[in-house]
Protein backbone atom coordinates (compact mmCIF):
# COMPACT_ATOMS: atom_id res chain seq x y z
CA MET A 1 268.94 22.69 71.07
CA SER A 2 265.99 25.02 71.33
CA ALA A 3 263.01 24.17 73.63
CA LEU A 4 260.72 23.80 70.64
CA ARG A 5 263.04 21.48 68.83
CA LEU A 6 263.38 19.40 72.06
CA ALA A 7 259.63 19.28 72.45
CA VAL A 8 259.14 18.15 68.86
CA THR A 9 261.84 15.42 69.41
CA VAL A 10 260.23 14.15 72.60
CA VAL A 11 256.79 13.93 70.97
CA GLY A 12 258.26 12.12 68.09
CA VAL A 13 260.03 9.57 70.22
CA ALA A 14 256.96 9.04 72.31
CA ALA A 15 254.83 8.41 69.21
CA THR A 16 257.42 5.99 67.91
CA ILE A 17 257.56 4.05 71.19
CA ALA A 18 253.76 4.00 71.45
CA GLN A 19 253.61 2.20 68.00
CA HIS A 20 255.98 -0.63 69.14
CA PRO A 21 254.09 -4.02 69.28
CA LEU A 22 255.41 -4.85 72.77
CA VAL A 23 254.38 -1.53 74.27
CA ARG A 24 250.91 -1.92 72.64
CA ALA A 25 250.58 -5.50 73.98
CA GLY A 26 251.57 -4.36 77.44
CA VAL A 27 248.93 -1.59 77.47
CA ARG A 28 246.21 -3.97 76.35
CA ALA A 29 247.26 -6.46 79.01
CA ALA A 30 247.26 -3.82 81.81
CA ALA A 31 244.12 -1.99 80.70
CA PRO A 32 241.48 -3.98 82.59
CA HIS A 33 243.42 -3.54 85.81
CA VAL A 34 244.31 0.13 85.31
CA LEU A 35 241.12 1.45 83.71
CA ASN A 36 238.67 1.39 86.62
CA PRO A 37 236.34 4.30 87.44
CA ARG A 38 238.59 5.73 90.04
CA ASN A 39 241.66 5.79 87.77
CA LYS A 40 239.63 7.14 84.86
CA GLU A 41 238.55 10.05 87.05
CA LEU A 42 242.08 10.70 88.08
CA ALA A 43 243.25 10.56 84.48
CA VAL A 44 240.61 13.05 83.41
CA ARG A 45 241.64 15.46 86.27
CA ALA A 46 245.30 15.11 85.36
CA THR A 47 244.64 15.73 81.76
CA LEU A 48 242.52 18.84 82.40
CA SER A 49 245.14 20.11 84.81
CA ALA A 50 247.96 19.51 82.34
CA ALA A 51 245.98 21.28 79.56
CA TYR A 52 245.33 24.25 81.82
CA ASN A 53 249.02 24.49 82.86
CA ALA A 54 250.06 24.29 79.25
CA GLY A 55 247.79 27.20 78.55
CA VAL A 56 249.21 29.24 81.35
CA LEU A 57 252.73 28.48 80.21
CA THR A 58 251.80 29.43 76.61
CA ARG A 59 250.28 32.69 77.74
CA ARG A 60 253.49 33.51 79.84
CA ILE A 61 255.73 32.80 76.92
CA LYS A 62 253.50 34.80 74.62
CA ASP A 63 253.49 37.73 77.06
CA THR A 64 257.26 37.55 77.49
CA VAL A 65 257.89 37.60 73.75
CA ALA A 66 255.39 40.38 73.21
CA GLY A 67 257.06 42.35 76.02
CA LYS A 68 254.07 42.65 78.29
């Protein structure tokens, strides 16, 4: 299985699980305890870091394919 196909499968499974009623109810129940200002800031930092790292990885893959 190629890496792209695996990534698409993982995203599909995650989206399907996220739509499950029990998962959604659990998120709603935990939200007031989890979403405090400190955790929101940590989430923002983690998201920005993950986006940056994804860009770096994409650039590396692009450069490898292009032969640079």
